[in-house]
Amino acid sequence: MSSNMKMAEAMGKSTKVMVGMNKVMDPQKMGKTMQEFEMANTKMQMTEEMISDSLDDILTESGDEEEEDAIVSQVLDEIGIDMAGKMVSAPKDKVGESSKATVTDEEIEKQLAQLMKS
């Protein structure tokens, strides 16, 4: 019996707290605010998706690289530079790779001795 009384008191206190909260925070206004937020959020998501799709379309357009290559070739032709012919004779080793393996200690010592004589 005493547990029923304590339960009734607790329920009464809970009811008072809920009534107080309803006075402080109007549930209808809160519901309206939540609904407005949901609509704005949905609109923002749709806008973000449209912008993302537009950017993807713009950035993945084909033909841009070919057009750039054609313009660069035209400019080089106008100023008389033949890139294809010069690139054939360009070294294919990595930078500094050919000079690493060919110099010996004796050659370095000879160069040092010549520098000291000068």
N, C-alpha and C. Protein backbone atom coordinates (compact mmCIF):
# COMPACT_ATOMS: atom_id res chain seq x y z
N MET A 1 0.82 -1.20 0.00
CA MET A 1 0.00 0.00 0.00
C MET A 1 0.86 1.27 0.00
N SER A 2 1.95 1.24 0.78
CA SER A 2 2.80 2.43 0.84
C SER A 2 3.51 2.64 -0.50
N SER A 3 3.83 1.56 -1.21
CA SER A 3 4.46 1.72 -2.52
C SER A 3 3.50 2.38 -3.51
N ASN A 4 2.21 2.07 -3.39
CA ASN A 4 1.21 2.73 -4.25
C ASN A 4 1.12 4.22 -3.94
N MET A 5 1.25 4.56 -2.67
CA MET A 5 1.19 5.97 -2.27
C MET A 5 2.40 6.73 -2.81
N LYS A 6 3.58 6.10 -2.69
CA LYS A 6 4.79 6.74 -3.19
C LYS A 6 4.73 6.90 -4.71
N MET A 7 4.18 5.91 -5.36
CA MET A 7 4.04 5.98 -6.82
C MET A 7 3.08 7.09 -7.19
N ALA A 8 2.02 7.26 -6.49
CA ALA A 8 1.05 8.32 -6.77
C ALA A 8 1.69 9.68 -6.54
N GLU A 9 2.49 9.82 -5.49
CA GLU A 9 3.17 11.09 -5.22
C GLU A 9 4.16 11.41 -6.35
N ALA A 10 4.91 10.39 -6.78
CA ALA A 10 5.89 10.59 -7.84
C ALA A 10 5.19 11.00 -9.14
N MET A 11 4.06 10.36 -9.43
CA MET A 11 3.31 10.71 -10.63
C MET A 11 2.77 12.13 -10.54
N GLY A 12 2.34 12.54 -9.36
CA GLY A 12 1.85 13.91 -9.16
C GLY A 12 2.95 14.92 -9.41
N LYS A 13 4.13 14.63 -8.86
CA LYS A 13 5.27 15.54 -9.06
C LYS A 13 5.65 15.61 -10.54
N SER A 14 5.64 14.45 -11.19
CA SER A 14 5.96 14.43 -12.62
C SER A 14 4.96 15.24 -13.42
N THR A 15 3.71 15.15 -13.07
CA THR A 15 2.67 15.91 -13.76
C THR A 15 2.88 17.41 -13.57
N LYS A 16 3.23 17.82 -12.34
CA LYS A 16 3.48 19.25 -12.08
C LYS A 16 4.67 19.75 -12.91
N VAL A 17 5.72 18.94 -12.97
CA VAL A 17 6.89 19.34 -13.75
C VAL A 17 6.53 19.46 -15.22
N MET A 18 5.75 18.51 -15.74
CA MET A 18 5.37 18.55 -17.15
C MET A 18 4.48 19.75 -17.45
N VAL A 19 3.58 20.10 -16.53
CA VAL A 19 2.73 21.28 -16.72
C VAL A 19 3.60 22.52 -16.74
N GLY A 20 4.57 22.60 -15.82
CA GLY A 20 5.48 23.75 -15.79
C GLY A 20 6.28 23.87 -17.08
N MET A 21 6.75 22.76 -17.59
CA MET A 21 7.51 22.77 -18.84
C MET A 21 6.63 23.20 -20.02
N ASN A 22 5.38 22.76 -20.02
CA ASN A 22 4.46 23.15 -21.09
C ASN A 22 4.21 24.66 -21.07
N LYS A 23 4.22 25.26 -19.87
CA LYS A 23 4.03 26.71 -19.78
C LYS A 23 5.27 27.44 -20.30
N VAL A 24 6.44 26.92 -19.95
CA VAL A 24 7.69 27.56 -20.37
C VAL A 24 7.95 27.35 -21.86
N MET A 25 7.71 26.14 -22.31
CA MET A 25 8.01 25.78 -23.69
C MET A 25 6.73 25.30 -24.36
N ASP A 26 6.18 26.15 -25.21
CA ASP A 26 4.91 25.83 -25.87
C ASP A 26 5.13 24.71 -26.89
N PRO A 27 4.50 23.54 -26.70
CA PRO A 27 4.71 22.41 -27.61
C PRO A 27 4.28 22.71 -29.05
N GLN A 28 3.26 23.54 -29.24
CA GLN A 28 2.81 23.86 -30.59
C GLN A 28 3.86 24.71 -31.33
N LYS A 29 4.45 25.67 -30.61
CA LYS A 29 5.50 26.49 -31.22
C LYS A 29 6.72 25.64 -31.53
N MET A 30 7.05 24.72 -30.63
CA MET A 30 8.19 23.85 -30.84
C MET A 30 7.95 22.95 -32.06
N GLY A 31 6.75 22.43 -32.19
CA GLY A 31 6.41 21.59 -33.35
C GLY A 31 6.50 22.38 -34.64
N LYS A 32 6.03 23.63 -34.61
CA LYS A 32 6.09 24.48 -35.80
C LYS A 32 7.54 24.78 -36.16
N THR A 33 8.36 25.07 -35.17
CA THR A 33 9.78 25.35 -35.41
C THR A 33 10.47 24.12 -35.99
N MET A 34 10.17 22.95 -35.47
CA MET A 34 10.77 21.72 -35.97
C MET A 34 10.35 21.46 -37.41
N GLN A 35 9.09 21.75 -37.73
CA GLN A 35 8.61 21.55 -39.09
C GLN A 35 9.29 22.52 -40.05
N GLU A 36 9.49 23.78 -39.64
CA GLU A 36 10.18 24.75 -40.48
C GLU A 36 11.64 24.34 -40.69
N PHE A 37 12.26 23.83 -39.63
CA PHE A 37 13.64 23.36 -39.74
C PHE A 37 13.74 22.20 -40.73
N GLU A 38 12.80 21.28 -40.65
CA GLU A 38 12.81 20.13 -41.55
C GLU A 38 12.66 20.56 -43.01
N MET A 39 11.77 21.54 -43.26
CA MET A 39 11.59 22.03 -44.63
C MET A 39 12.85 22.73 -45.13
N ALA A 40 13.47 23.56 -44.28
CA ALA A 40 14.68 24.27 -44.68
C ALA A 40 15.82 23.28 -44.92
N ASN A 41 15.92 22.27 -44.08
CA ASN A 41 16.96 21.26 -44.23
C ASN A 41 16.79 20.48 -45.54
N THR A 42 15.57 20.12 -45.86
CA THR A 42 15.29 19.41 -47.11
C THR A 42 15.65 20.28 -48.31
N LYS A 43 15.29 21.56 -48.24
CA LYS A 43 15.61 22.49 -49.33
C LYS A 43 17.12 22.62 -49.49
N MET A 44 17.84 22.70 -48.37
CA MET A 44 19.30 22.81 -48.42
C MET A 44 19.92 21.56 -49.03
N GLN A 45 19.42 20.39 -48.68
CA GLN A 45 19.94 19.14 -49.23
C GLN A 45 19.73 19.07 -50.74
N MET A 46 18.56 19.51 -51.19
CA MET A 46 18.27 19.50 -52.62
C MET A 46 19.19 20.47 -53.36
N THR A 47 19.41 21.64 -52.78
CA THR A 47 20.30 22.63 -53.40
C THR A 47 21.72 22.10 -53.46
N GLU A 48 22.17 21.49 -52.38
CA GLU A 48 23.52 20.92 -52.33
C GLU A 48 23.69 19.83 -53.39
N GLU A 49 22.68 19.01 -53.56
CA GLU A 49 22.74 17.95 -54.56
C GLU A 49 22.80 18.53 -55.97
N MET A 50 22.01 19.58 -56.23
CA MET A 50 22.02 20.21 -57.54
C MET A 50 23.38 20.84 -57.84
N ILE A 51 23.96 21.51 -56.85
CA ILE A 51 25.26 22.15 -57.04
C ILE A 51 26.33 21.08 -57.28
N SER A 52 26.27 20.02 -56.51
CA SER A 52 27.24 18.93 -56.67
C SER A 52 27.15 18.31 -58.06
N ASP A 53 25.93 18.08 -58.53
CA ASP A 53 25.74 17.52 -59.88
C ASP A 53 26.26 18.48 -60.95
N SER A 54 26.00 19.78 -60.77
CA SER A 54 26.47 20.77 -61.74
C SER A 54 27.99 20.81 -61.78
N LEU A 55 28.63 20.80 -60.61
CA LEU A 55 30.09 20.82 -60.57
C LEU A 55 30.67 19.56 -61.18
N ASP A 56 30.07 18.42 -60.91
CA ASP A 56 30.54 17.17 -61.52
C ASP A 56 30.46 17.25 -63.04
N ASP A 57 29.35 17.78 -63.55
CA ASP A 57 29.19 17.92 -65.00
C ASP A 57 30.24 18.86 -65.59
N ILE A 58 30.49 19.97 -64.91
CA ILE A 58 31.45 20.96 -65.40
C ILE A 58 32.86 20.38 -65.39
N LEU A 59 33.22 19.72 -64.30
CA LEU A 59 34.60 19.24 -64.15
C LEU A 59 34.91 17.99 -64.96
N THR A 60 33.89 17.27 -65.39
CA THR A 60 34.15 16.04 -66.14
C THR A 60 33.85 16.17 -67.63
N GLU A 61 33.74 17.41 -68.10
CA GLU A 61 33.49 17.60 -69.53
C GLU A 61 34.66 17.06 -70.33
N SER A 62 34.37 16.32 -71.37
CA SER A 62 35.44 15.80 -72.22
C SER A 62 35.79 16.82 -73.28
N GLY A 63 37.00 16.71 -73.80
CA GLY A 63 37.42 17.62 -74.85
C GLY A 63 38.26 18.77 -74.36
N ASP A 64 38.28 19.04 -73.07
CA ASP A 64 39.07 20.15 -72.56
C ASP A 64 40.56 19.91 -72.76
N GLU A 65 41.01 18.71 -72.48
CA GLU A 65 42.44 18.42 -72.61
C GLU A 65 42.89 18.51 -74.06
N GLU A 66 42.07 17.99 -74.96
CA GLU A 66 42.43 18.06 -76.37
C GLU A 66 42.50 19.51 -76.84
N GLU A 67 41.55 20.32 -76.38
CA GLU A 67 41.54 21.73 -76.76
C GLU A 67 42.77 22.45 -76.21
N GLU A 68 43.15 22.13 -74.95
CA GLU A 68 44.34 22.74 -74.37
C GLU A 68 45.59 22.35 -75.16
N ASP A 69 45.70 21.07 -75.49
CA ASP A 69 46.86 20.60 -76.27
C ASP A 69 46.93 21.29 -77.63
N ALA A 70 45.78 21.47 -78.26
CA ALA A 70 45.74 22.13 -79.57
C ALA A 70 46.20 23.58 -79.45
N ILE A 71 45.76 24.27 -78.41
CA ILE A 71 46.14 25.68 -78.23
C ILE A 71 47.63 25.79 -77.94
N VAL A 72 48.16 24.91 -77.07
CA VAL A 72 49.59 24.93 -76.76
C VAL A 72 50.40 24.65 -78.01
N SER A 73 50.00 23.67 -78.78
CA SER A 73 50.71 23.35 -80.02
C SER A 73 50.68 24.52 -81.00
N GLN A 74 49.54 25.19 -81.10
CA GLN A 74 49.42 26.33 -82.00
C GLN A 74 50.36 27.45 -81.58
N VAL A 75 50.41 27.72 -80.28
CA VAL A 75 51.29 28.80 -79.78
C VAL A 75 52.75 28.44 -80.02
N LEU A 76 53.12 27.18 -79.73
CA LEU A 76 54.51 26.76 -79.95
C LEU A 76 54.88 26.81 -81.43
N ASP A 77 53.94 26.44 -82.30
CA ASP A 77 54.19 26.53 -83.74
C ASP A 77 54.40 27.97 -84.18
N GLU A 78 53.61 28.88 -83.61
CA GLU A 78 53.71 30.29 -83.97
C GLU A 78 55.06 30.88 -83.59
N ILE A 79 55.61 30.43 -82.45
CA ILE A 79 56.89 30.99 -82.04
C ILE A 79 58.07 30.14 -82.50
N GLY A 80 57.78 29.07 -83.24
CA GLY A 80 58.82 28.28 -83.88
C GLY A 80 59.48 27.24 -83.00
N ILE A 81 58.78 26.70 -82.06
CA ILE A 81 59.35 25.66 -81.20
C ILE A 81 58.72 24.32 -81.56
N ASP A 82 59.60 23.35 -81.84
CA ASP A 82 59.12 22.01 -82.18
C ASP A 82 59.37 21.12 -80.98
N MET A 83 58.36 20.95 -80.15
CA MET A 83 58.51 20.17 -78.91
C MET A 83 58.70 18.68 -79.20
N ALA A 84 58.03 18.16 -80.18
CA ALA A 84 58.11 16.72 -80.47
C ALA A 84 59.52 16.34 -80.88
N GLY A 85 60.16 17.14 -81.72
CA GLY A 85 61.51 16.86 -82.17
C GLY A 85 62.53 16.97 -81.05
N LYS A 86 62.35 17.93 -80.16
CA LYS A 86 63.30 18.12 -79.07
C LYS A 86 63.12 17.09 -77.97
N MET A 87 61.93 16.62 -77.76
CA MET A 87 61.67 15.66 -76.69
C MET A 87 62.25 14.30 -77.01
N VAL A 88 62.45 13.98 -78.30
CA VAL A 88 63.02 12.68 -78.67
C VAL A 88 64.46 12.60 -78.19
N SER A 89 65.20 13.69 -78.26
CA SER A 89 66.60 13.67 -77.86
C SER A 89 66.81 13.96 -76.37
N ALA A 90 65.77 14.17 -75.63
CA ALA A 90 65.89 14.45 -74.20
C ALA A 90 66.34 13.19 -73.46
N PRO A 91 67.17 13.35 -72.42
CA PRO A 91 67.63 12.18 -71.66
C PRO A 91 66.47 11.50 -70.95
N LYS A 92 66.55 10.20 -70.86
CA LYS A 92 65.47 9.45 -70.25
C LYS A 92 65.79 9.01 -68.83
N ASP A 93 67.05 9.22 -68.37
CA ASP A 93 67.43 8.87 -67.01
C ASP A 93 66.83 9.87 -66.03
N LYS A 94 66.79 9.46 -64.78
CA LYS A 94 66.32 10.37 -63.75
C LYS A 94 67.39 11.44 -63.53
N VAL A 95 67.01 12.56 -63.00
CA VAL A 95 67.92 13.67 -62.80
C VAL A 95 69.03 13.25 -61.85
N GLY A 96 70.28 13.45 -62.26
CA GLY A 96 71.43 13.14 -61.43
C GLY A 96 71.83 11.68 -61.43
N GLU A 97 71.11 10.82 -62.09
CA GLU A 97 71.39 9.39 -62.06
C GLU A 97 72.63 9.04 -62.86
N SER A 98 72.83 9.67 -63.99
CA SER A 98 73.98 9.33 -64.84
C SER A 98 75.29 9.80 -64.22
N SER A 99 75.29 10.89 -63.49
CA SER A 99 76.53 11.40 -62.93
C SER A 99 76.93 10.69 -61.65
N LYS A 100 76.05 10.00 -61.01
CA LYS A 100 76.34 9.32 -59.74
C LYS A 100 77.33 8.18 -59.93
N ALA A 101 77.10 7.33 -60.87
CA ALA A 101 77.83 6.08 -60.99
C ALA A 101 79.18 6.25 -61.69
N THR A 102 79.44 7.31 -62.41
CA THR A 102 80.64 7.40 -63.24
C THR A 102 81.83 8.04 -62.53
N VAL A 103 81.65 8.79 -61.49
CA VAL A 103 82.75 9.48 -60.83
C VAL A 103 83.38 8.56 -59.79
N THR A 104 84.71 8.41 -59.85
CA THR A 104 85.42 7.56 -58.88
C THR A 104 86.17 8.44 -57.88
N ASP A 105 86.68 7.80 -56.85
CA ASP A 105 87.43 8.53 -55.83
C ASP A 105 88.71 9.12 -56.40
N GLU A 106 89.36 8.38 -57.29
CA GLU A 106 90.60 8.86 -57.90
C GLU A 106 90.37 10.14 -58.69
N GLU A 107 89.26 10.18 -59.43
CA GLU A 107 88.96 11.37 -60.23
C GLU A 107 88.69 12.56 -59.32
N ILE A 108 88.03 12.31 -58.22
CA ILE A 108 87.74 13.40 -57.28
C ILE A 108 89.04 13.92 -56.67
N GLU A 109 89.95 13.02 -56.33
CA GLU A 109 91.24 13.43 -55.76
C GLU A 109 92.06 14.23 -56.77
N LYS A 110 92.02 13.84 -58.05
CA LYS A 110 92.73 14.57 -59.10
C LYS A 110 92.15 15.97 -59.24
N GLN A 111 90.83 16.07 -59.21
CA GLN A 111 90.19 17.39 -59.33
C GLN A 111 90.55 18.26 -58.14
N LEU A 112 90.61 17.67 -56.95
CA LEU A 112 90.95 18.41 -55.74
C LEU A 112 92.41 18.91 -55.83
N ALA A 113 93.30 18.04 -56.32
CA ALA A 113 94.70 18.43 -56.46
C ALA A 113 94.85 19.58 -57.45
N GLN A 114 94.12 19.55 -58.54
CA GLN A 114 94.17 20.63 -59.54
C GLN A 114 93.66 21.94 -58.95
N LEU A 115 92.63 21.82 -58.15
CA LEU A 115 92.09 23.05 -57.52
C LEU A 115 93.07 23.63 -56.52
N MET A 116 93.78 22.78 -55.83
CA MET A 116 94.74 23.28 -54.82
C MET A 116 95.95 23.95 -55.51
N LYS A 117 96.31 23.49 -56.71
CA LYS A 117 97.42 24.09 -57.46
C LYS A 117 97.05 25.48 -57.96
N SER A 118 95.78 25.69 -58.24
CA SER A 118 95.34 26.96 -58.83
C SER A 118 95.36 28.09 -57.85
